[in-house]
Amino acid sequence: MRSEIILCIVLLSLLIPSATAADRTTSAKDPVYITEQFPPFSYQEDGKLQGISVDLLEKMLGHMNMTLNRSEIRLLPWDQGYQMALQDNNTVIFSTGRIPEREALFKWVGPISSIKVVLFALNEKHIKINSTGDLRALKIGVTKDSAEGPLVIKAGANPGNLIEKNNTTEIIDMRKAGTIDAWAYPDLVGVWLAEKAGLNASEYEVVYQLTKETPLYYAFNMNTSDSTIKMFQEALNQTRKGKETDGISDFEKILYRYLPVLYGRSNMTSHQIMDLVNRTSADIGINASSTFINISAGTRSYKDSSDIALFVIDTGAIVMAHSSRPELVGLNETNRADVSGKKFIEAIVMGALKNVVGQEDYIYSDPNKTGLYFKTAYYRLTKGNDGQEYIVGCIDYKEEGSKSS
């Protein structure tokens, strides 16, 4: 009888899902998702909820073999949604700034991105801010009763030069007309609003940073199980992968869907960059293997600026050396593409074999900055002391107005 009872218990246990599995399924499938009107991360347009954080959540659930019903996401005023996420079990609010004051209030999955308050200005104004005195001379547009006004004054701006308007549309119109010098606003939101207002990304730039980066996260109610948090975090991490195969991640594709590609500001001229390429080419002609080692080790003579990346590939697109990503050495980069689908490494190889010297533009996602940026790779075909042909390249931010390849 005892053995029969044990057998019955074993058979019964096989028919009942484990508590862990059941908990995991319920926790992952049933959260109440809460967000606010906060473009480009989350916003409703033509009756459809969209944005970077919404699309990213959909991708995350896809990696967990689940689907997202966007109509079930609750679009609420921030204060109301925030209180719900604090008080109600099984709730998630996004995109939430992860700051020290909130650290113990939620469980966190992220980062989604980061955001900071900056000053935007039209390129044609050639504004350079090196001191508080430079700030005091500027007429700066801010939204009435926003946090940006006090931030600008704290940074050193003249309160009498602040132009307050009820909405961002008025401020952007003033900026386009040139009646204000700069506009204070969170960076990615400002970029999105400017594009919607018809301003091209090449027409303006960030001239000053007013706050540090604040990372944005999915904030889960504190009663959410750790296993659920782990599952969502792993799914988010998965959206950022893919760069080792075709060079594009799901996350970059989402950014490309919502944000214009920006121009950067280079610390070196194109002549200085080509001087570095030419010096490196000469070194390879003397001792190729030693030069490769020194480049990948980040030796100072091969890294004139922190913004540039020096690399060497053979004519088959095998990476021989890389100053900022030595882990790529030995990989074939022929199929590496940017977020627009351009196979820029293949284009560099073809250009070098045909013209010896040239440059190639592509779109880059900078892990140290939020958004997508134009970059230019300057290159030269050279011959090593081992008799093999190599292509030396140097990558830097592309500046607005510079010649396209």
Protein backbone atom coordinates (compact mmCIF):
# COMPACT_ATOMS: atom_id res chain seq x y z
CA MET A 1 0.00 0.00 0.00
CA ARG A 2 2.81 2.40 0.92
CA SER A 3 4.44 1.92 -2.49
CA GLU A 4 1.11 2.50 -4.26
CA ILE A 5 0.60 5.76 -2.33
CA ILE A 6 4.10 6.96 -3.28
CA LEU A 7 3.42 6.06 -6.93
CA CYS A 8 0.16 8.05 -6.84
CA ILE A 9 1.96 11.09 -5.37
CA VAL A 10 4.65 10.93 -8.08
CA LEU A 11 2.06 10.66 -10.87
CA LEU A 12 0.02 13.51 -9.39
CA SER A 13 3.10 15.73 -9.17
CA LEU A 14 3.74 15.25 -12.88
CA LEU A 15 0.26 16.51 -13.67
CA ILE A 16 0.59 19.68 -11.54
CA PRO A 17 2.89 22.45 -12.88
CA SER A 18 5.59 23.50 -10.47
CA ALA A 19 4.88 26.58 -8.38
CA THR A 20 7.93 28.29 -9.84
CA ALA A 21 6.86 27.73 -13.42
CA ALA A 22 3.28 28.76 -12.71
CA ASP A 23 4.45 31.88 -10.89
CA ARG A 24 6.81 32.76 -13.72
CA THR A 25 4.09 32.43 -16.38
CA THR A 26 1.53 34.45 -14.43
CA SER A 27 4.01 37.17 -13.47
CA ALA A 28 5.33 37.61 -16.99
CA LYS A 29 2.01 37.45 -18.84
CA ASP A 30 -0.20 39.56 -16.66
CA PRO A 31 1.54 42.81 -15.58
CA VAL A 32 -0.41 46.02 -15.91
CA TYR A 33 1.78 48.26 -18.08
CA ILE A 34 1.59 51.99 -17.39
CA THR A 35 3.16 54.83 -19.33
CA GLU A 36 2.70 58.53 -20.07
CA GLN A 37 2.74 60.84 -23.10
CA PHE A 38 6.52 61.18 -23.32
CA PRO A 39 7.72 61.16 -26.94
CA PRO A 40 9.75 59.60 -28.43
CA PHE A 41 9.67 56.94 -25.69
CA SER A 42 5.89 56.58 -25.44
CA TYR A 43 3.12 58.58 -27.09
CA GLN A 44 -0.23 58.17 -28.75
CA GLU A 45 -0.57 59.27 -32.37
CA ASP A 46 -3.55 58.58 -34.63
CA GLY A 47 -5.01 56.45 -31.85
CA LYS A 48 -2.00 54.14 -31.68
CA LEU A 49 0.42 53.89 -28.77
CA GLN A 50 4.00 53.83 -29.98
CA GLY A 51 7.52 54.93 -29.13
CA ILE A 52 10.96 53.58 -28.30
CA SER A 53 9.97 52.07 -24.94
CA VAL A 54 6.75 50.56 -26.30
CA ASP A 55 8.47 48.92 -29.29
CA LEU A 56 11.28 47.71 -27.04
CA LEU A 57 8.79 46.13 -24.62
CA GLU A 58 7.15 44.35 -27.55
CA LYS A 59 10.53 42.96 -28.64
CA MET A 60 11.32 41.86 -25.08
CA LEU A 61 8.05 39.95 -24.80
CA GLY A 62 8.75 38.41 -28.20
CA HIS A 63 12.02 37.00 -26.83
CA MET A 64 9.92 35.45 -24.04
CA ASN A 65 7.49 33.95 -26.61
CA MET A 66 4.74 36.36 -25.59
CA THR A 67 2.84 39.10 -27.37
CA LEU A 68 2.01 42.68 -26.38
CA ASN A 69 -1.49 44.06 -26.78
CA ARG A 70 -0.73 47.78 -27.02
CA SER A 71 -4.34 48.71 -26.38
CA GLU A 72 -3.99 47.29 -22.86
CA ILE A 73 -1.12 49.63 -21.94
CA ARG A 74 -2.55 52.33 -19.70
CA LEU A 75 -1.65 55.85 -20.85
CA LEU A 76 -1.98 58.00 -17.74
CA PRO A 77 -0.76 61.32 -16.34
CA TRP A 78 2.62 60.68 -14.72
CA ASP A 79 1.58 61.34 -11.11
CA GLN A 80 -1.38 58.96 -11.32
CA GLY A 81 0.57 56.17 -13.03
CA TYR A 82 3.51 56.54 -10.65
CA GLN A 83 1.29 56.12 -7.57
CA MET A 84 -0.37 53.05 -9.11
CA ALA A 85 3.02 51.42 -9.75
CA LEU A 86 4.05 52.13 -6.16
CA GLN A 87 0.88 50.76 -4.59
CA ASP A 88 -0.51 48.04 -6.87
CA ASN A 89 1.03 44.59 -7.24
CA ASN A 90 1.97 43.39 -10.72
CA THR A 91 2.34 46.87 -12.22
CA VAL A 92 5.13 48.31 -14.38
CA ILE A 93 5.63 51.99 -15.21
CA PHE A 94 7.91 53.28 -17.96
CA SER A 95 10.04 55.17 -18.87
CA THR A 96 11.15 55.92 -15.31
CA GLY A 97 14.28 57.81 -14.35
CA ARG A 98 16.36 55.62 -12.04
CA ILE A 99 17.54 58.12 -9.45
CA PRO A 100 18.81 57.52 -5.88
CA GLU A 101 15.54 58.73 -4.33
CA ARG A 102 13.60 55.99 -6.16
CA GLU A 103 16.12 53.16 -5.94
CA ALA A 104 14.44 51.24 -3.09
CA LEU A 105 10.89 51.92 -4.30
CA PHE A 106 10.89 49.66 -7.35
CA LYS A 107 12.58 46.69 -8.98
CA TRP A 108 14.33 47.76 -12.15
CA VAL A 109 14.74 46.45 -15.70
CA GLY A 110 16.92 48.46 -18.06
CA PRO A 111 18.34 50.74 -19.01
CA ILE A 112 16.06 51.60 -21.91
CA SER A 113 18.12 54.69 -22.70
CA SER A 114 19.22 57.81 -20.89
CA ILE A 115 18.23 61.42 -21.02
CA LYS A 116 19.73 64.77 -20.05
CA VAL A 117 18.66 68.41 -20.24
CA VAL A 118 20.65 70.39 -22.80
CA LEU A 119 20.71 73.65 -24.72
CA PHE A 120 19.93 73.36 -28.44
CA ALA A 121 21.00 76.06 -30.89
CA LEU A 122 20.96 76.53 -34.65
CA ASN A 123 24.30 75.71 -36.28
CA GLU A 124 24.27 78.99 -38.17
CA LYS A 125 24.57 80.90 -34.89
CA HIS A 126 27.96 79.24 -34.15
CA ILE A 127 27.35 79.38 -30.40
CA LYS A 128 30.22 78.26 -28.15
CA ILE A 129 29.76 78.19 -24.38
CA ASN A 130 33.01 78.14 -22.45
CA SER A 131 31.95 80.06 -19.35
CA THR A 132 29.00 81.41 -17.41
CA GLY A 133 29.58 84.71 -19.13
CA ASP A 134 28.76 83.06 -22.46
CA LEU A 135 25.47 81.78 -20.99
CA ARG A 136 24.48 85.19 -19.59
CA ALA A 137 24.57 86.73 -23.06
CA LEU A 138 22.09 84.24 -24.57
CA LYS A 139 18.34 84.55 -24.99
CA ILE A 140 17.09 81.10 -23.96
CA GLY A 141 13.63 79.66 -24.56
CA VAL A 142 12.03 77.50 -21.86
CA THR A 143 8.58 76.01 -21.31
CA LYS A 144 6.63 77.92 -18.67
CA ASP A 145 6.71 76.31 -15.18
CA SER A 146 9.11 73.57 -16.38
CA ALA A 147 12.24 72.36 -14.59
CA GLU A 148 14.42 73.77 -17.39
CA GLY A 149 14.04 77.43 -16.34
CA PRO A 150 15.57 77.02 -12.86
CA LEU A 151 18.27 74.73 -14.31
CA VAL A 152 19.34 77.38 -16.83
CA ILE A 153 19.46 80.10 -14.15
CA LYS A 154 21.44 77.84 -11.82
CA ALA A 155 23.94 77.25 -14.64
CA GLY A 156 24.55 81.00 -14.86
CA ALA A 157 22.05 82.37 -17.39
CA ASN A 158 20.59 85.84 -16.97
CA PRO A 159 16.98 85.45 -15.66
CA GLY A 160 16.02 88.51 -17.70
CA ASN A 161 17.05 86.69 -20.90
CA LEU A 162 14.73 83.73 -20.32
CA ILE A 163 11.84 83.59 -22.79
CA GLU A 164 8.97 81.55 -21.31
CA LYS A 165 6.27 80.07 -23.54
CA ASN A 166 3.31 77.84 -22.81
CA ASN A 167 4.32 75.08 -25.22
CA THR A 168 7.32 73.78 -27.12
CA THR A 169 5.80 74.57 -30.54
CA GLU A 170 6.07 78.30 -29.83
CA ILE A 171 9.67 77.92 -28.68
CA ILE A 172 10.69 75.89 -31.73
CA ASP A 173 9.07 78.51 -33.99
CA MET A 174 11.08 81.22 -32.22
CA ARG A 175 14.25 79.18 -32.63
CA LYS A 176 13.57 78.71 -36.37
CA ALA A 177 12.95 82.45 -36.70
CA GLY A 178 16.16 83.24 -34.83
CA THR A 179 14.45 85.33 -32.13
CA ILE A 180 16.03 83.18 -29.39
CA ASP A 181 19.60 81.90 -29.27
CA ALA A 182 18.96 78.56 -27.62
CA TRP A 183 16.29 76.25 -26.24
CA ALA A 184 16.55 74.25 -22.99
CA TYR A 185 14.94 70.82 -23.08
CA PRO A 186 15.60 67.08 -22.52
CA ASP A 187 17.79 65.99 -25.41
CA LEU A 188 15.99 63.10 -27.11
CA VAL A 189 12.56 64.61 -26.59
CA GLY A 190 13.82 67.88 -28.06
CA VAL A 191 15.30 66.11 -31.08
CA TRP A 192 12.00 64.33 -31.74
CA LEU A 193 9.92 67.51 -31.34
CA ALA A 194 12.26 69.49 -33.59
CA GLU A 195 11.96 66.88 -36.35
CA LYS A 196 8.16 66.89 -36.03
CA ALA A 197 8.27 70.68 -36.40
CA GLY A 198 10.18 70.37 -39.66
CA LEU A 199 13.71 71.11 -38.44
CA ASN A 200 16.40 68.96 -40.01
CA ALA A 201 18.92 67.40 -37.62
CA SER A 202 21.71 69.04 -39.61
CA GLU A 203 20.35 72.50 -38.76
CA TYR A 204 20.93 72.44 -35.00
CA GLU A 205 23.27 71.07 -32.35
CA VAL A 206 23.64 70.62 -28.61
CA VAL A 207 25.79 73.48 -27.33
CA TYR A 208 25.61 72.89 -23.57
CA GLN A 209 24.68 70.14 -21.11
CA LEU A 210 22.68 71.30 -18.08
CA THR A 211 22.28 67.98 -16.23
CA LYS A 212 23.97 64.62 -15.95
CA GLU A 213 22.61 61.61 -17.80
CA THR A 214 19.60 60.01 -16.11
CA PRO A 215 19.05 56.36 -17.11
CA LEU A 216 15.48 55.39 -18.00
CA TYR A 217 14.09 52.03 -16.87
CA TYR A 218 10.99 49.87 -16.64
CA ALA A 219 10.05 50.24 -12.95
CA PHE A 220 8.27 47.17 -11.52
CA ASN A 221 6.25 47.18 -8.30
CA MET A 222 8.39 45.99 -5.39
CA ASN A 223 6.30 42.83 -4.93
CA THR A 224 7.29 41.51 -8.37
CA SER A 225 9.22 38.24 -8.10
CA ASP A 226 12.97 38.30 -8.69
CA SER A 227 12.56 35.53 -11.27
CA THR A 228 10.26 37.79 -13.32
CA ILE A 229 12.71 40.69 -13.12
CA LYS A 230 15.51 38.40 -14.27
CA MET A 231 13.43 37.15 -17.18
CA PHE A 232 12.59 40.67 -18.38
CA GLN A 233 16.19 41.83 -17.96
CA GLU A 234 17.51 38.92 -20.00
CA ALA A 235 14.96 39.70 -22.72
CA LEU A 236 16.03 43.35 -22.78
CA ASN A 237 19.68 42.32 -23.03
CA GLN A 238 18.75 40.13 -25.98
CA THR A 239 17.37 43.12 -27.90
CA ARG A 240 20.81 44.73 -27.79
CA LYS A 241 22.56 41.69 -29.24
CA GLY A 242 23.07 40.98 -32.93
CA LYS A 243 25.99 43.36 -33.46
CA GLU A 244 28.39 40.44 -33.63
CA THR A 245 26.57 38.96 -36.67
CA ASP A 246 25.27 41.70 -38.97
CA GLY A 247 26.20 44.74 -36.90
CA ILE A 248 22.60 45.70 -36.14
CA SER A 249 20.64 45.13 -32.94
CA ASP A 250 16.87 45.28 -32.45
CA PHE A 251 17.45 48.27 -30.18
CA GLU A 252 19.27 50.21 -32.91
CA LYS A 253 16.50 49.44 -35.39
CA ILE A 254 13.98 50.87 -32.93
CA LEU A 255 16.05 54.05 -32.44
CA TYR A 256 16.31 54.44 -36.23
CA ARG A 257 12.51 54.23 -36.46
CA TYR A 258 11.97 57.20 -34.14
CA LEU A 259 15.05 59.41 -34.13
CA PRO A 260 16.87 61.41 -36.79
CA VAL A 261 20.54 60.58 -37.27
CA LEU A 262 22.67 63.32 -35.70
CA TYR A 263 25.97 64.91 -36.63
CA GLY A 264 28.73 64.93 -34.06
CA ARG A 265 31.58 67.28 -33.35
CA SER A 266 35.04 66.01 -34.18
CA ASN A 267 38.13 66.78 -32.11
CA MET A 268 40.38 66.26 -35.13
CA THR A 269 40.43 67.58 -38.66
CA SER A 270 40.25 65.21 -41.64
CA HIS A 271 43.92 66.08 -42.38
CA GLN A 272 44.97 65.04 -38.87
CA ILE A 273 43.04 61.79 -39.20
CA MET A 274 44.66 60.99 -42.55
CA ASP A 275 48.08 61.79 -41.04
CA LEU A 276 47.38 59.09 -38.44
CA VAL A 277 46.27 56.66 -41.16
CA ASN A 278 49.41 57.39 -43.19
CA ARG A 279 51.74 57.00 -40.17
CA THR A 280 50.11 53.70 -39.30
CA SER A 281 50.41 52.51 -42.90
CA ALA A 282 54.13 53.31 -42.83
CA ASP A 283 54.55 51.39 -39.55
CA ILE A 284 52.83 48.34 -41.06
CA GLY A 285 55.31 48.50 -43.92
CA ILE A 286 58.14 48.25 -41.38
CA ASN A 287 56.66 45.69 -38.94
CA ALA A 288 53.03 44.64 -39.49
CA SER A 289 52.61 42.21 -36.58
CA SER A 290 54.10 44.59 -34.00
CA THR A 291 51.91 47.45 -35.25
CA PHE A 292 48.77 45.30 -34.99
CA ILE A 293 49.60 44.43 -31.38
CA ASN A 294 50.23 48.05 -30.43
CA ILE A 295 46.99 49.29 -32.04
CA SER A 296 44.83 46.73 -30.22
CA ALA A 297 46.67 47.47 -26.97
CA GLY A 298 45.60 51.11 -27.26
CA THR A 299 49.14 52.45 -27.51
CA ARG A 300 49.01 56.25 -27.35
CA SER A 301 50.71 56.80 -30.71
CA TYR A 302 47.71 55.07 -32.37
CA LYS A 303 44.98 56.87 -30.42
CA ASP A 304 45.23 60.63 -30.87
CA SER A 305 41.69 61.21 -29.52
CA SER A 306 39.21 59.25 -27.41
CA ASP A 307 36.52 59.78 -30.06
CA ILE A 308 38.38 58.06 -32.88
CA ALA A 309 38.87 54.36 -33.58
CA LEU A 310 41.83 53.08 -35.60
CA PHE A 311 41.52 49.68 -37.27
CA VAL A 312 43.28 47.43 -39.76
CA ILE A 313 41.60 44.78 -41.92
CA ASP A 314 42.97 42.59 -44.70
CA THR A 315 41.44 42.66 -48.18
CA GLY A 316 39.12 39.84 -47.13
CA ALA A 317 37.72 42.06 -44.32
CA ILE A 318 39.37 40.05 -41.52
CA VAL A 319 40.12 42.36 -38.57
CA MET A 320 43.86 42.46 -37.82
CA ALA A 321 43.76 45.23 -35.20
CA HIS A 322 41.26 47.59 -33.55
CA SER A 323 42.08 50.33 -31.04
CA SER A 324 38.67 50.49 -29.32
CA ARG A 325 37.27 46.99 -29.92
CA PRO A 326 40.18 44.51 -29.80
CA GLU A 327 37.67 41.67 -29.34
CA LEU A 328 36.89 41.97 -33.07
CA VAL A 329 40.40 40.80 -34.07
CA GLY A 330 40.17 37.68 -36.21
CA LEU A 331 36.53 38.21 -37.22
CA ASN A 332 35.35 38.57 -40.81
CA GLU A 333 33.44 41.84 -41.06
CA THR A 334 32.30 41.60 -44.70
CA ASN A 335 28.62 41.44 -43.77
CA ARG A 336 28.68 44.05 -41.01
CA ALA A 337 26.00 46.62 -41.77
CA ASP A 338 24.80 49.81 -40.13
CA VAL A 339 21.20 50.35 -39.04
CA SER A 340 20.18 51.53 -42.52
CA GLY A 341 21.40 48.20 -43.96
CA LYS A 342 24.54 49.63 -45.56
CA LYS A 343 27.44 47.12 -45.61
CA PHE A 344 30.05 49.77 -44.93
CA ILE A 345 33.02 47.43 -44.34
CA GLU A 346 32.44 45.80 -47.72
CA ALA A 347 32.25 49.31 -49.24
CA ILE A 348 35.58 50.25 -47.58
CA VAL A 349 37.29 47.16 -49.02
CA MET A 350 35.94 47.82 -52.51
CA GLY A 351 36.88 51.51 -52.32
CA ALA A 352 40.42 50.76 -51.12
CA LEU A 353 41.07 48.15 -53.83
CA LYS A 354 39.79 50.53 -56.50
CA ASN A 355 41.07 53.95 -55.32
CA VAL A 356 43.71 53.16 -52.63
CA VAL A 357 42.56 56.14 -50.49
CA GLY A 358 39.04 57.26 -49.61
CA GLN A 359 36.33 57.69 -47.00
CA GLU A 360 33.03 55.98 -46.23
CA ASP A 361 30.08 57.32 -44.22
CA TYR A 362 27.79 55.17 -42.09
CA ILE A 363 25.40 55.36 -39.12
CA TYR A 364 26.65 54.48 -35.66
CA SER A 365 25.05 53.85 -32.27
CA ASP A 366 27.38 55.22 -29.61
CA PRO A 367 27.21 53.26 -26.31
CA ASN A 368 28.35 56.41 -24.47
CA LYS A 369 25.74 58.68 -26.03
CA THR A 370 22.02 58.37 -26.63
CA GLY A 371 20.93 58.23 -30.25
CA LEU A 372 22.36 57.53 -33.69
CA TYR A 373 25.23 59.44 -35.26
CA PHE A 374 26.83 59.81 -38.67
CA LYS A 375 30.43 58.65 -38.73
CA THR A 376 33.12 58.67 -41.39
CA ALA A 377 35.81 56.05 -41.91
CA TYR A 378 38.96 57.40 -43.61
CA TYR A 379 41.06 54.61 -45.14
CA ARG A 380 44.19 53.69 -47.11
CA LEU A 381 45.36 50.51 -48.81
CA THR A 382 48.91 49.60 -47.78
CA LYS A 383 51.39 46.72 -47.96
CA GLY A 384 52.96 45.15 -44.89
CA ASN A 385 56.54 43.95 -44.51
CA ASP A 386 55.04 40.43 -44.74
CA GLY A 387 54.05 41.10 -48.36
CA GLN A 388 50.30 41.17 -47.58
CA GLU A 389 47.91 44.01 -48.43
CA TYR A 390 46.00 45.67 -45.60
CA ILE A 391 43.50 48.49 -45.24
CA VAL A 392 44.13 51.02 -42.46
CA GLY A 393 41.04 52.90 -41.37
CA CYS A 394 40.25 55.61 -38.85
CA ILE A 395 36.69 56.42 -37.72
CA ASP A 396 35.44 59.75 -36.39
CA TYR A 397 32.18 61.63 -36.03
CA LYS A 398 30.94 63.24 -39.21
CA GLU A 399 30.39 66.97 -38.85
CA GLU A 400 27.46 68.77 -40.45
CA GLY A 401 28.43 70.21 -43.81
CA SER A 402 31.39 67.89 -44.35
CA LYS A 403 31.71 66.13 -47.69
CA SER A 404 29.75 62.87 -48.03
CA SER A 405 31.19 59.70 -49.52
